[in-house]
């Protein structure tokens, strides 16, 4: 399988490890990601300013992929939602579609709707599949609780994003479960992390962030696993800035899902960029390494857990 790799604007510059870890994981399953130099911003920054200006960049990006005969794989939730929104608009507004195609023709492009937009998680879950991933695992983690946070844009509105169940999502939890880690049921799982308010209402942004951190810690999380790039920046960049040096405020380290899965696929920590996460130091990396063990079937893991609890 070959896909056009759409990273968006933030990830290549600020979260490079997300892209590198993702590519390393997919290489294990012979999924080839093509970097398309002509891709530009998805248009998300002007979403609330000018609807047409928001839609046009995403349509152009899809037209570029169409010309190459490729579907697009996205790892940024905002970009994913923007591209899906553009697909929906082009399918439901023929007048706007004709106007945008007229603009695209100046660059020798045309949008027909033949390119599919895939999120990294659905490539893993649907295109590769749970059973195929299981076959490639060389390690599993034990005694590791994670708080997954999906972010605002991947699940809603469901009729646009077409990703999982908006209220009871299962894809991420099942992928986490493959590694032996536990995806906790906690109150912030489907809520906003506050990143969108940064610079507009920093006090509220930090309040929302602290609520998520405290909620995850109270649920028993050792790490937080953000699906959204903005959530990652909030937990891995803003969190240390506002909580470091506060004796009563513990830091919650960030572990990206491709990093988690990559460890269990036998990919080395340097390639996965573990220590590029601001909240993971050498001691944290060593603790993760210590939790890696042999692959154990689910029934056997449950039996071992019962025996451990009884002891």
C-alpha atoms as a PDB file:
ATOM      1  CA  UNK A   1       0.000   0.000   0.000  1.00  0.00           C
ATOM      2  CA  UNK A   2       1.256   3.454  -0.913  1.00  0.00           C
ATOM      3  CA  UNK A   3      -0.244   6.622   0.565  1.00  0.00           C
ATOM      4  CA  UNK A   4       0.431  10.348   0.334  1.00  0.00           C
ATOM      5  CA  UNK A   5       1.647  11.385   3.790  1.00  0.00           C
ATOM      6  CA  UNK A   6      -0.067  14.570   4.981  1.00  0.00           C
ATOM      7  CA  UNK A   7       1.629  15.839   8.144  1.00  0.00           C
ATOM      8  CA  UNK A   8       0.224  19.365   8.308  1.00  0.00           C
ATOM      9  CA  UNK A   9       2.148  22.400   9.523  1.00  0.00           C
ATOM     10  CA  UNK A  10       2.883  21.725  13.190  1.00  0.00           C
ATOM     11  CA  UNK A  11       4.123  18.146  13.142  1.00  0.00           C
ATOM     12  CA  UNK A  12       7.173  18.497  10.815  1.00  0.00           C
ATOM     13  CA  UNK A  13       8.455  21.454  12.831  1.00  0.00           C
ATOM     14  CA  UNK A  14       7.329  20.845  16.417  1.00  0.00           C
ATOM     15  CA  UNK A  15       6.499  17.111  16.740  1.00  0.00           C
ATOM     16  CA  UNK A  16       8.795  15.459  14.226  1.00  0.00           C
ATOM     17  CA  UNK A  17       8.867  12.281  16.325  1.00  0.00           C
ATOM     18  CA  UNK A  18       5.142  11.750  15.668  1.00  0.00           C
ATOM     19  CA  UNK A  19       5.759  11.493  11.913  1.00  0.00           C
ATOM     20  CA  UNK A  20       8.969   9.471  12.193  1.00  0.00           C
ATOM     21  CA  UNK A  21       7.455   6.975  14.642  1.00  0.00           C
ATOM     22  CA  UNK A  22       4.353   6.635  12.468  1.00  0.00           C
ATOM     23  CA  UNK A  23       6.439   5.900   9.379  1.00  0.00           C
ATOM     24  CA  UNK A  24       8.579   3.377  11.286  1.00  0.00           C
ATOM     25  CA  UNK A  25       5.474   1.521  12.493  1.00  0.00           C
ATOM     26  CA  UNK A  26       3.849   1.422   9.054  1.00  0.00           C
ATOM     27  CA  UNK A  27       7.092   0.228   7.448  1.00  0.00           C
ATOM     28  CA  UNK A  28       6.649  -2.961   9.472  1.00  0.00           C
ATOM     29  CA  UNK A  29       3.493  -3.627   7.455  1.00  0.00           C
ATOM     30  CA  UNK A  30       4.847  -2.625   4.037  1.00  0.00           C
ATOM     31  CA  UNK A  31       2.870   0.607   3.968  1.00  0.00           C
ATOM     32  CA  UNK A  32       4.837   3.154   1.952  1.00  0.00           C
ATOM     33  CA  UNK A  33       4.322   6.830   2.760  1.00  0.00           C
ATOM     34  CA  UNK A  34       5.144   9.339   0.045  1.00  0.00           C
ATOM     35  CA  UNK A  35       6.063  12.852   1.105  1.00  0.00           C
ATOM     36  CA  UNK A  36       4.413  15.285  -1.278  1.00  0.00           C
ATOM     37  CA  UNK A  37       6.345  18.551  -1.406  1.00  0.00           C
ATOM     38  CA  UNK A  38       3.457  20.379  -3.088  1.00  0.00           C
ATOM     39  CA  UNK A  39       1.134  19.898  -0.108  1.00  0.00           C
ATOM     40  CA  UNK A  40       0.349  23.103   1.783  1.00  0.00           C
ATOM     41  CA  UNK A  41      -1.560  24.079   4.914  1.00  0.00           C
ATOM     42  CA  UNK A  42      -5.017  22.470   5.105  1.00  0.00           C
ATOM     43  CA  UNK A  43      -6.623  25.870   5.682  1.00  0.00           C
ATOM     44  CA  UNK A  44      -7.608  25.261   9.299  1.00  0.00           C
ATOM     45  CA  UNK A  45      -6.189  28.571  10.683  1.00  0.00           C
ATOM     46  CA  UNK A  46      -8.794  30.563   8.706  1.00  0.00           C
ATOM     47  CA  UNK A  47     -11.699  28.223   9.447  1.00  0.00           C
ATOM     48  CA  UNK A  48     -13.601  30.849  11.437  1.00  0.00           C
ATOM     49  CA  UNK A  49     -12.599  33.778   9.213  1.00  0.00           C
ATOM     50  CA  UNK A  50     -13.514  32.812   5.641  1.00  0.00           C
ATOM     51  CA  UNK A  51     -15.236  29.537   4.769  1.00  0.00           C
ATOM     52  CA  UNK A  52     -14.119  29.505   1.145  1.00  0.00           C
ATOM     53  CA  UNK A  53     -10.511  30.346   2.017  1.00  0.00           C
ATOM     54  CA  UNK A  54     -10.663  27.478   4.523  1.00  0.00           C
ATOM     55  CA  UNK A  55     -11.932  24.935   1.986  1.00  0.00           C
ATOM     56  CA  UNK A  56      -9.769  25.778  -1.049  1.00  0.00           C
ATOM     57  CA  UNK A  57      -6.352  24.639   0.340  1.00  0.00           C
ATOM     58  CA  UNK A  58      -7.730  21.233   1.343  1.00  0.00           C
ATOM     59  CA  UNK A  59      -9.356  20.744  -2.063  1.00  0.00           C
ATOM     60  CA  UNK A  60      -6.077  21.710  -3.745  1.00  0.00           C
ATOM     61  CA  UNK A  61      -4.163  19.192  -1.607  1.00  0.00           C
ATOM     62  CA  UNK A  62      -6.616  16.443  -2.521  1.00  0.00           C
ATOM     63  CA  UNK A  63      -6.370  17.363  -6.208  1.00  0.00           C
ATOM     64  CA  UNK A  64      -2.572  17.037  -5.980  1.00  0.00           C
ATOM     65  CA  UNK A  65      -2.960  13.549  -4.470  1.00  0.00           C
ATOM     66  CA  UNK A  66      -5.512  12.634  -7.145  1.00  0.00           C
ATOM     67  CA  UNK A  67      -3.046  13.602  -9.873  1.00  0.00           C
ATOM     68  CA  UNK A  68      -0.569  11.152  -8.336  1.00  0.00           C
ATOM     69  CA  UNK A  69      -3.244   8.463  -7.976  1.00  0.00           C
ATOM     70  CA  UNK A  70      -2.830   8.305  -4.203  1.00  0.00           C
ATOM     71  CA  UNK A  71      -5.086   8.309  -1.185  1.00  0.00           C
ATOM     72  CA  UNK A  72      -4.030  10.605   1.667  1.00  0.00           C
ATOM     73  CA  UNK A  73      -3.028   9.486   5.156  1.00  0.00           C
ATOM     74  CA  UNK A  74      -3.212  12.151   7.860  1.00  0.00           C
ATOM     75  CA  UNK A  75      -1.790  12.257  11.406  1.00  0.00           C
ATOM     76  CA  UNK A  76      -2.994  15.729  12.413  1.00  0.00           C
ATOM     77  CA  UNK A  77      -6.622  15.697  13.594  1.00  0.00           C
ATOM     78  CA  UNK A  78      -7.262  19.285  12.477  1.00  0.00           C
ATOM     79  CA  UNK A  79      -5.982  18.474   8.990  1.00  0.00           C
ATOM     80  CA  UNK A  80      -8.034  15.272   8.910  1.00  0.00           C
ATOM     81  CA  UNK A  81     -11.226  17.153   9.808  1.00  0.00           C
ATOM     82  CA  UNK A  82     -10.429  19.939   7.308  1.00  0.00           C
ATOM     83  CA  UNK A  83      -9.856  17.528   4.435  1.00  0.00           C
ATOM     84  CA  UNK A  84     -13.016  15.593   5.283  1.00  0.00           C
ATOM     85  CA  UNK A  85     -14.970  18.843   5.531  1.00  0.00           C
ATOM     86  CA  UNK A  86     -13.701  19.889   2.104  1.00  0.00           C
ATOM     87  CA  UNK A  87     -14.735  16.530   0.629  1.00  0.00           C
ATOM     88  CA  UNK A  88     -18.210  16.989   2.057  1.00  0.00           C
ATOM     89  CA  UNK A  89     -18.567  20.557   0.757  1.00  0.00           C
ATOM     90  CA  UNK A  90     -17.383  19.598  -2.732  1.00  0.00           C
ATOM     91  CA  UNK A  91     -19.917  16.748  -2.812  1.00  0.00           C
ATOM     92  CA  UNK A  92     -22.873  18.823  -1.598  1.00  0.00           C
ATOM     93  CA  UNK A  93     -22.270  22.261  -3.159  1.00  0.00           C
ATOM     94  CA  UNK A  94     -21.887  21.867  -6.950  1.00  0.00           C
ATOM     95  CA  UNK A  95     -21.672  25.612  -7.583  1.00  0.00           C
ATOM     96  CA  UNK A  96     -18.764  26.050  -5.160  1.00  0.00           C
ATOM     97  CA  UNK A  97     -17.150  22.877  -6.503  1.00  0.00           C
ATOM     98  CA  UNK A  98     -17.239  24.306 -10.034  1.00  0.00           C
ATOM     99  CA  UNK A  99     -15.810  27.624  -8.822  1.00  0.00           C
ATOM    100  CA  UNK A 100     -12.943  25.939  -6.967  1.00  0.00           C
ATOM    101  CA  UNK A 101     -12.139  23.639  -9.889  1.00  0.00           C
ATOM    102  CA  UNK A 102     -11.928  26.710 -12.108  1.00  0.00           C
ATOM    103  CA  UNK A 103      -9.283  28.109  -9.749  1.00  0.00           C
ATOM    104  CA  UNK A 104      -7.433  24.779  -9.616  1.00  0.00           C
ATOM    105  CA  UNK A 105      -7.303  24.608 -13.414  1.00  0.00           C
ATOM    106  CA  UNK A 106      -4.845  27.505 -13.374  1.00  0.00           C
ATOM    107  CA  UNK A 107      -2.360  25.101 -11.722  1.00  0.00           C
ATOM    108  CA  UNK A 108      -3.267  22.213 -13.989  1.00  0.00           C
ATOM    109  CA  UNK A 109      -5.300  20.519 -11.241  1.00  0.00           C
ATOM    110  CA  UNK A 110      -8.831  19.181 -10.962  1.00  0.00           C
ATOM    111  CA  UNK A 111     -10.716  17.710  -8.024  1.00  0.00           C
ATOM    112  CA  UNK A 112     -13.027  14.790  -8.785  1.00  0.00           C
ATOM    113  CA  UNK A 113     -13.381  13.214  -5.332  1.00  0.00           C
ATOM    114  CA  UNK A 114     -11.510  10.004  -6.143  1.00  0.00           C
ATOM    115  CA  UNK A 115      -8.960  10.391  -3.319  1.00  0.00           C
ATOM    116  CA  UNK A 116      -9.871   8.900   0.059  1.00  0.00           C
ATOM    117  CA  UNK A 117      -8.767  10.553   3.304  1.00  0.00           C
ATOM    118  CA  UNK A 118      -7.453   8.094   5.884  1.00  0.00           C
ATOM    119  CA  UNK A 119      -6.419   8.748   9.450  1.00  0.00           C
ATOM    120  CA  UNK A 120      -3.306   6.962  10.700  1.00  0.00           C
ATOM    121  CA  UNK A 121      -5.441   5.052  13.221  1.00  0.00           C
ATOM    122  CA  UNK A 122      -7.853   3.741  10.591  1.00  0.00           C
ATOM    123  CA  UNK A 123      -4.950   2.620   8.420  1.00  0.00           C
ATOM    124  CA  UNK A 124      -3.794   0.539  11.378  1.00  0.00           C
ATOM    125  CA  UNK A 125      -7.233  -0.648  12.429  1.00  0.00           C
ATOM    126  CA  UNK A 126      -8.978  -1.193   9.097  1.00  0.00           C
ATOM    127  CA  UNK A 127      -6.388  -1.490   6.326  1.00  0.00           C
ATOM    128  CA  UNK A 128      -3.771  -3.485   8.256  1.00  0.00           C
ATOM    129  CA  UNK A 129      -6.073  -4.963  10.872  1.00  0.00           C
ATOM    130  CA  UNK A 130      -5.795  -6.088  14.479  1.00  0.00           C
ATOM    131  CA  UNK A 131      -4.854  -9.693  13.654  1.00  0.00           C
ATOM    132  CA  UNK A 132      -2.033  -8.674  11.315  1.00  0.00           C
ATOM    133  CA  UNK A 133      -0.613  -6.310  13.941  1.00  0.00           C
ATOM    134  CA  UNK A 134      -0.736  -9.090  16.553  1.00  0.00           C
ATOM    135  CA  UNK A 135       1.409 -11.295  14.318  1.00  0.00           C
ATOM    136  CA  UNK A 136       4.158  -8.657  14.204  1.00  0.00           C
ATOM    137  CA  UNK A 137       4.356  -7.961  17.940  1.00  0.00           C
ATOM    138  CA  UNK A 138       7.629  -8.961  19.590  1.00  0.00           C
ATOM    139  CA  UNK A 139       6.938  -7.425  23.019  1.00  0.00           C
ATOM    140  CA  UNK A 140       4.002  -6.575  25.235  1.00  0.00           C
ATOM    141  CA  UNK A 141       3.790  -4.139  28.120  1.00  0.00           C
ATOM    142  CA  UNK A 142       2.618  -5.052  31.593  1.00  0.00           C
ATOM    143  CA  UNK A 143       1.228  -2.897  34.398  1.00  0.00           C
ATOM    144  CA  UNK A 144       0.954   0.204  32.235  1.00  0.00           C
ATOM    145  CA  UNK A 145      -2.118   2.443  32.461  1.00  0.00           C
ATOM    146  CA  UNK A 146      -2.629   5.177  29.886  1.00  0.00           C
ATOM    147  CA  UNK A 147      -5.129   7.993  29.530  1.00  0.00           C
ATOM    148  CA  UNK A 148      -5.961   8.449  25.851  1.00  0.00           C
ATOM    149  CA  UNK A 149      -7.244  11.877  24.813  1.00  0.00           C
ATOM    150  CA  UNK A 150      -8.742  12.054  21.324  1.00  0.00           C
ATOM    151  CA  UNK A 151      -9.005  15.815  20.890  1.00  0.00           C
ATOM    152  CA  UNK A 152     -11.920  17.778  19.466  1.00  0.00           C
ATOM    153  CA  UNK A 153     -11.704  17.308  15.716  1.00  0.00           C
ATOM    154  CA  UNK A 154     -11.404  13.604  14.940  1.00  0.00           C
ATOM    155  CA  UNK A 155     -14.710  12.407  16.400  1.00  0.00           C
ATOM    156  CA  UNK A 156     -17.092  15.277  15.725  1.00  0.00           C
ATOM    157  CA  UNK A 157     -19.122  15.972  13.680  1.00  0.00           C
ATOM    158  CA  UNK A 158     -19.426  12.260  12.880  1.00  0.00           C
ATOM    159  CA  UNK A 159     -21.182  12.858   9.554  1.00  0.00           C
ATOM    160  CA  UNK A 160     -18.105  14.784   8.384  1.00  0.00           C
ATOM    161  CA  UNK A 161     -15.148  12.962   9.930  1.00  0.00           C
ATOM    162  CA  UNK A 162     -16.528   9.439   9.437  1.00  0.00           C
ATOM    163  CA  UNK A 163     -14.219   8.234  12.206  1.00  0.00           C
ATOM    164  CA  UNK A 164     -15.409   5.747  14.833  1.00  0.00           C
ATOM    165  CA  UNK A 165     -18.298   6.344  17.243  1.00  0.00           C
ATOM    166  CA  UNK A 166     -18.353   9.934  18.508  1.00  0.00           C
ATOM    167  CA  UNK A 167     -19.591   8.956  21.960  1.00  0.00           C
ATOM    168  CA  UNK A 168     -18.094   5.485  22.500  1.00  0.00           C
ATOM    169  CA  UNK A 169     -14.964   5.301  20.327  1.00  0.00           C
ATOM    170  CA  UNK A 170     -13.206   1.946  20.313  1.00  0.00           C
ATOM    171  CA  UNK A 171     -10.468   2.094  17.666  1.00  0.00           C
ATOM    172  CA  UNK A 172      -7.801   3.745  19.827  1.00  0.00           C
ATOM    173  CA  UNK A 173      -8.586   1.600  22.863  1.00  0.00           C
ATOM    174  CA  UNK A 174      -8.290  -1.612  20.859  1.00  0.00           C
ATOM    175  CA  UNK A 175      -4.969  -0.524  19.360  1.00  0.00           C
ATOM    176  CA  UNK A 176      -3.647   0.360  22.827  1.00  0.00           C
ATOM    177  CA  UNK A 177      -4.910  -2.986  24.124  1.00  0.00           C
ATOM    178  CA  UNK A 178      -2.792  -4.862  21.582  1.00  0.00           C
ATOM    179  CA  UNK A 179       0.322  -3.657  23.400  1.00  0.00           C
ATOM    180  CA  UNK A 180      -0.800  -4.981  26.792  1.00  0.00           C
ATOM    181  CA  UNK A 181      -1.290  -1.456  28.120  1.00  0.00           C
ATOM    182  CA  UNK A 182      -4.665  -0.417  29.535  1.00  0.00           C
ATOM    183  CA  UNK A 183      -6.556   2.544  28.089  1.00  0.00           C
ATOM    184  CA  UNK A 184      -8.331   3.958  31.119  1.00  0.00           C
ATOM    185  CA  UNK A 185     -11.915   5.145  31.172  1.00  0.00           C
ATOM    186  CA  UNK A 186     -11.523   8.680  32.467  1.00  0.00           C
ATOM    187  CA  UNK A 187     -13.569  11.837  32.311  1.00  0.00           C
ATOM    188  CA  UNK A 188     -11.324  13.869  29.991  1.00  0.00           C
ATOM    189  CA  UNK A 189     -11.042  11.287  27.254  1.00  0.00           C
ATOM    190  CA  UNK A 190     -13.382  13.037  24.811  1.00  0.00           C
ATOM    191  CA  UNK A 191     -12.966  16.607  26.079  1.00  0.00           C
ATOM    192  CA  UNK A 192     -10.989  19.642  24.900  1.00  0.00           C
ATOM    193  CA  UNK A 193      -7.429  20.029  26.230  1.00  0.00           C
ATOM    194  CA  UNK A 194      -7.599  23.835  26.031  1.00  0.00           C
ATOM    195  CA  UNK A 195      -5.027  24.273  23.249  1.00  0.00           C
ATOM    196  CA  UNK A 196      -7.439  26.199  21.020  1.00  0.00           C
ATOM    197  CA  UNK A 197      -7.664  28.934  23.667  1.00  0.00           C
ATOM    198  CA  UNK A 198      -3.925  29.462  24.005  1.00  0.00           C
ATOM    199  CA  UNK A 199      -3.119  33.128  23.363  1.00  0.00           C
ATOM    200  CA  UNK A 200      -6.812  34.058  23.420  1.00  0.00           C
ATOM    201  CA  UNK A 201      -7.667  33.121  26.977  1.00  0.00           C
ATOM    202  CA  UNK A 202      -4.523  31.601  28.448  1.00  0.00           C
ATOM    203  CA  UNK A 203      -5.986  31.351  31.931  1.00  0.00           C
ATOM    204  CA  UNK A 204      -8.903  29.212  30.749  1.00  0.00           C
ATOM    205  CA  UNK A 205      -6.575  27.213  28.480  1.00  0.00           C
ATOM    206  CA  UNK A 206      -4.336  26.354  31.442  1.00  0.00           C
ATOM    207  CA  UNK A 207      -7.348  25.559  33.631  1.00  0.00           C
ATOM    208  CA  UNK A 208      -8.619  23.033  31.078  1.00  0.00           C
ATOM    209  CA  UNK A 209      -5.150  21.529  30.750  1.00  0.00           C
ATOM    210  CA  UNK A 210      -4.722  21.178  34.516  1.00  0.00           C
ATOM    211  CA  UNK A 211      -8.176  19.581  34.767  1.00  0.00           C
ATOM    212  CA  UNK A 212      -7.152  16.949  32.223  1.00  0.00           C
ATOM    213  CA  UNK A 213      -3.818  16.273  33.940  1.00  0.00           C
ATOM    214  CA  UNK A 214      -5.391  15.908  37.369  1.00  0.00           C
ATOM    215  CA  UNK A 215      -8.206  13.775  35.976  1.00  0.00           C
ATOM    216  CA  UNK A 216      -5.783  11.414  34.247  1.00  0.00           C
ATOM    217  CA  UNK A 217      -3.563  11.130  37.334  1.00  0.00           C
ATOM    218  CA  UNK A 218      -6.562  10.450  39.561  1.00  0.00           C
ATOM    219  CA  UNK A 219      -7.663   7.704  37.173  1.00  0.00           C
ATOM    220  CA  UNK A 220      -4.268   6.050  37.684  1.00  0.00           C
ATOM    221  CA  UNK A 221      -2.522   6.995  34.442  1.00  0.00           C
ATOM    222  CA  UNK A 222       1.242   6.702  34.171  1.00  0.00           C
ATOM    223  CA  UNK A 223       1.209   8.431  30.759  1.00  0.00           C
ATOM    224  CA  UNK A 224      -1.168  10.404  28.600  1.00  0.00           C
ATOM    225  CA  UNK A 225      -1.538   9.378  24.959  1.00  0.00           C
ATOM    226  CA  UNK A 226      -2.837  12.224  22.789  1.00  0.00           C
ATOM    227  CA  UNK A 227      -4.161  11.446  19.323  1.00  0.00           C
ATOM    228  CA  UNK A 228      -4.261  15.142  18.395  1.00  0.00           C
ATOM    229  CA  UNK A 229      -1.092  17.123  17.589  1.00  0.00           C
ATOM    230  CA  UNK A 230      -2.408  20.173  19.461  1.00  0.00           C
ATOM    231  CA  UNK A 231      -3.147  17.998  22.503  1.00  0.00           C
ATOM    232  CA  UNK A 232       0.424  16.725  22.320  1.00  0.00           C
ATOM    233  CA  UNK A 233       1.796  20.262  22.346  1.00  0.00           C
ATOM    234  CA  UNK A 234      -0.467  21.171  25.243  1.00  0.00           C
ATOM    235  CA  UNK A 235       0.675  18.232  27.374  1.00  0.00           C
ATOM    236  CA  UNK A 236       4.299  18.050  26.258  1.00  0.00           C
ATOM    237  CA  UNK A 237       5.156  21.757  25.927  1.00  0.00           C
ATOM    238  CA  UNK A 238       2.673  23.832  27.911  1.00  0.00           C
ATOM    239  CA  UNK A 239       2.410  21.372  30.816  1.00  0.00           C
ATOM    240  CA  UNK A 240       6.108  21.564  31.825  1.00  0.00           C
ATOM    241  CA  UNK A 241       6.014  25.345  31.463  1.00  0.00           C
ATOM    242  CA  UNK A 242       3.155  25.791  33.932  1.00  0.00           C
ATOM    243  CA  UNK A 243       3.737  22.867  36.325  1.00  0.00           C
ATOM    244  CA  UNK A 244       7.516  22.432  36.596  1.00  0.00           C
ATOM    245  CA  UNK A 245       8.857  23.492  39.962  1.00  0.00           C
ATOM    246  CA  UNK A 246       5.450  23.164  41.619  1.00  0.00           C
ATOM    247  CA  UNK A 247       5.878  20.614  44.409  1.00  0.00           C
ATOM    248  CA  UNK A 248       2.160  19.831  44.520  1.00  0.00           C
ATOM    249  CA  UNK A 249       1.780  19.446  40.749  1.00  0.00           C
ATOM    250  CA  UNK A 250       3.131  16.266  39.200  1.00  0.00           C
ATOM    251  CA  UNK A 251       4.032  16.095  35.512  1.00  0.00           C
ATOM    252  CA  UNK A 252       2.177  13.546  33.410  1.00  0.00           C
ATOM    253  CA  UNK A 253       4.524  12.268  30.675  1.00  0.00           C
ATOM    254  CA  UNK A 254       3.341  11.997  27.077  1.00  0.00           C
ATOM    255  CA  UNK A 255       3.589   8.779  25.066  1.00  0.00           C
ATOM    256  CA  UNK A 256       2.334   8.893  21.484  1.00  0.00           C
ATOM    257  CA  UNK A 257       0.442   5.885  20.159  1.00  0.00           C
ATOM    258  CA  UNK A 258       2.959   5.109  17.363  1.00  0.00           C
ATOM    259  CA  UNK A 259       5.711   5.246  20.012  1.00  0.00           C
ATOM    260  CA  UNK A 260       3.766   2.828  22.226  1.00  0.00           C
ATOM    261  CA  UNK A 261       3.039   0.446  19.374  1.00  0.00           C
ATOM    262  CA  UNK A 262       6.543   0.845  17.983  1.00  0.00           C
ATOM    263  CA  UNK A 263       8.122  -0.345  21.236  1.00  0.00           C
ATOM    264  CA  UNK A 264       6.045  -3.522  21.029  1.00  0.00           C
ATOM    265  CA  UNK A 265       7.015  -4.024  17.396  1.00  0.00           C
ATOM    266  CA  UNK A 266      10.680  -3.991  18.386  1.00  0.00           C
ATOM    267  CA  UNK A 267      11.508  -0.541  16.980  1.00  0.00           C
ATOM    268  CA  UNK A 268      14.333   1.164  18.879  1.00  0.00           C
ATOM    269  CA  UNK A 269      13.649   4.130  21.141  1.00  0.00           C
ATOM    270  CA  UNK A 270      15.875   6.506  19.190  1.00  0.00           C
ATOM    271  CA  UNK A 271      13.925   5.919  15.979  1.00  0.00           C
ATOM    272  CA  UNK A 272      10.642   6.392  17.858  1.00  0.00           C
ATOM    273  CA  UNK A 273      11.949   9.651  19.318  1.00  0.00           C
ATOM    274  CA  UNK A 274      10.950   8.891  22.908  1.00  0.00           C
ATOM    275  CA  UNK A 275      13.325  11.415  24.408  1.00  0.00           C
ATOM    276  CA  UNK A 276      12.184  14.058  21.939  1.00  0.00           C
ATOM    277  CA  UNK A 277       9.061  14.162  24.076  1.00  0.00           C
ATOM    278  CA  UNK A 278       9.821  16.924  26.560  1.00  0.00           C
ATOM    279  CA  UNK A 279       8.131  15.021  29.381  1.00  0.00           C
ATOM    280  CA  UNK A 280      10.105  11.775  28.871  1.00  0.00           C
ATOM    281  CA  UNK A 281      13.649  11.675  30.238  1.00  0.00           C
ATOM    282  CA  UNK A 282      16.121   8.798  30.390  1.00  0.00           C
ATOM    283  CA  UNK A 283      14.611   7.489  33.618  1.00  0.00           C
ATOM    284  CA  UNK A 284      11.139   7.411  32.036  1.00  0.00           C
ATOM    285  CA  UNK A 285      12.511   5.619  28.971  1.00  0.00           C
ATOM    286  CA  UNK A 286      14.192   3.036  31.209  1.00  0.00           C
ATOM    287  CA  UNK A 287      10.942   2.455  33.111  1.00  0.00           C
ATOM    288  CA  UNK A 288       9.129   1.818  29.844  1.00  0.00           C
ATOM    289  CA  UNK A 289      11.862  -0.563  28.740  1.00  0.00           C
ATOM    290  CA  UNK A 290      11.543  -2.466  32.008  1.00  0.00           C
ATOM    291  CA  UNK A 291       7.825  -3.020  31.386  1.00  0.00           C
ATOM    292  CA  UNK A 292       8.441  -4.729  28.033  1.00  0.00           C
ATOM    293  CA  UNK A 293       8.072  -8.492  28.129  1.00  0.00           C
ATOM    294  CA  UNK A 294       7.147 -11.422  25.896  1.00  0.00           C
ATOM    295  CA  UNK A 295       3.930 -11.516  23.905  1.00  0.00           C
ATOM    296  CA  UNK A 296       1.219 -13.134  26.015  1.00  0.00           C
ATOM    297  CA  UNK A 297      -2.281 -14.102  24.904  1.00  0.00           C
ATOM    298  CA  UNK A 298      -5.117 -12.135  26.465  1.00  0.00           C
ATOM    299  CA  UNK A 299      -6.503 -15.067  28.468  1.00  0.00           C
ATOM    300  CA  UNK A 300      -3.087 -15.834  29.936  1.00  0.00           C
ATOM    301  CA  UNK A 301      -2.579 -12.169  30.844  1.00  0.00           C
ATOM    302  CA  UNK A 302      -5.889 -12.118  32.707  1.00  0.00           C
ATOM    303  CA  UNK A 303      -4.937 -15.288  34.579  1.00  0.00           C
ATOM    304  CA  UNK A 304      -1.562 -13.820  35.555  1.00  0.00           C
ATOM    305  CA  UNK A 305      -3.261 -10.621  36.700  1.00  0.00           C
ATOM    306  CA  UNK A 306      -5.644 -12.602  38.939  1.00  0.00           C
ATOM    307  CA  UNK A 307      -2.772 -14.612  40.379  1.00  0.00           C
ATOM    308  CA  UNK A 308      -0.829 -11.424  41.070  1.00  0.00           C
ATOM    309  CA  UNK A 309      -3.841  -9.811  42.756  1.00  0.00           C
ATOM    310  CA  UNK A 310      -4.428 -12.933  44.898  1.00  0.00           C
ATOM    311  CA  UNK A 311      -0.785 -12.949  46.018  1.00  0.00           C
END
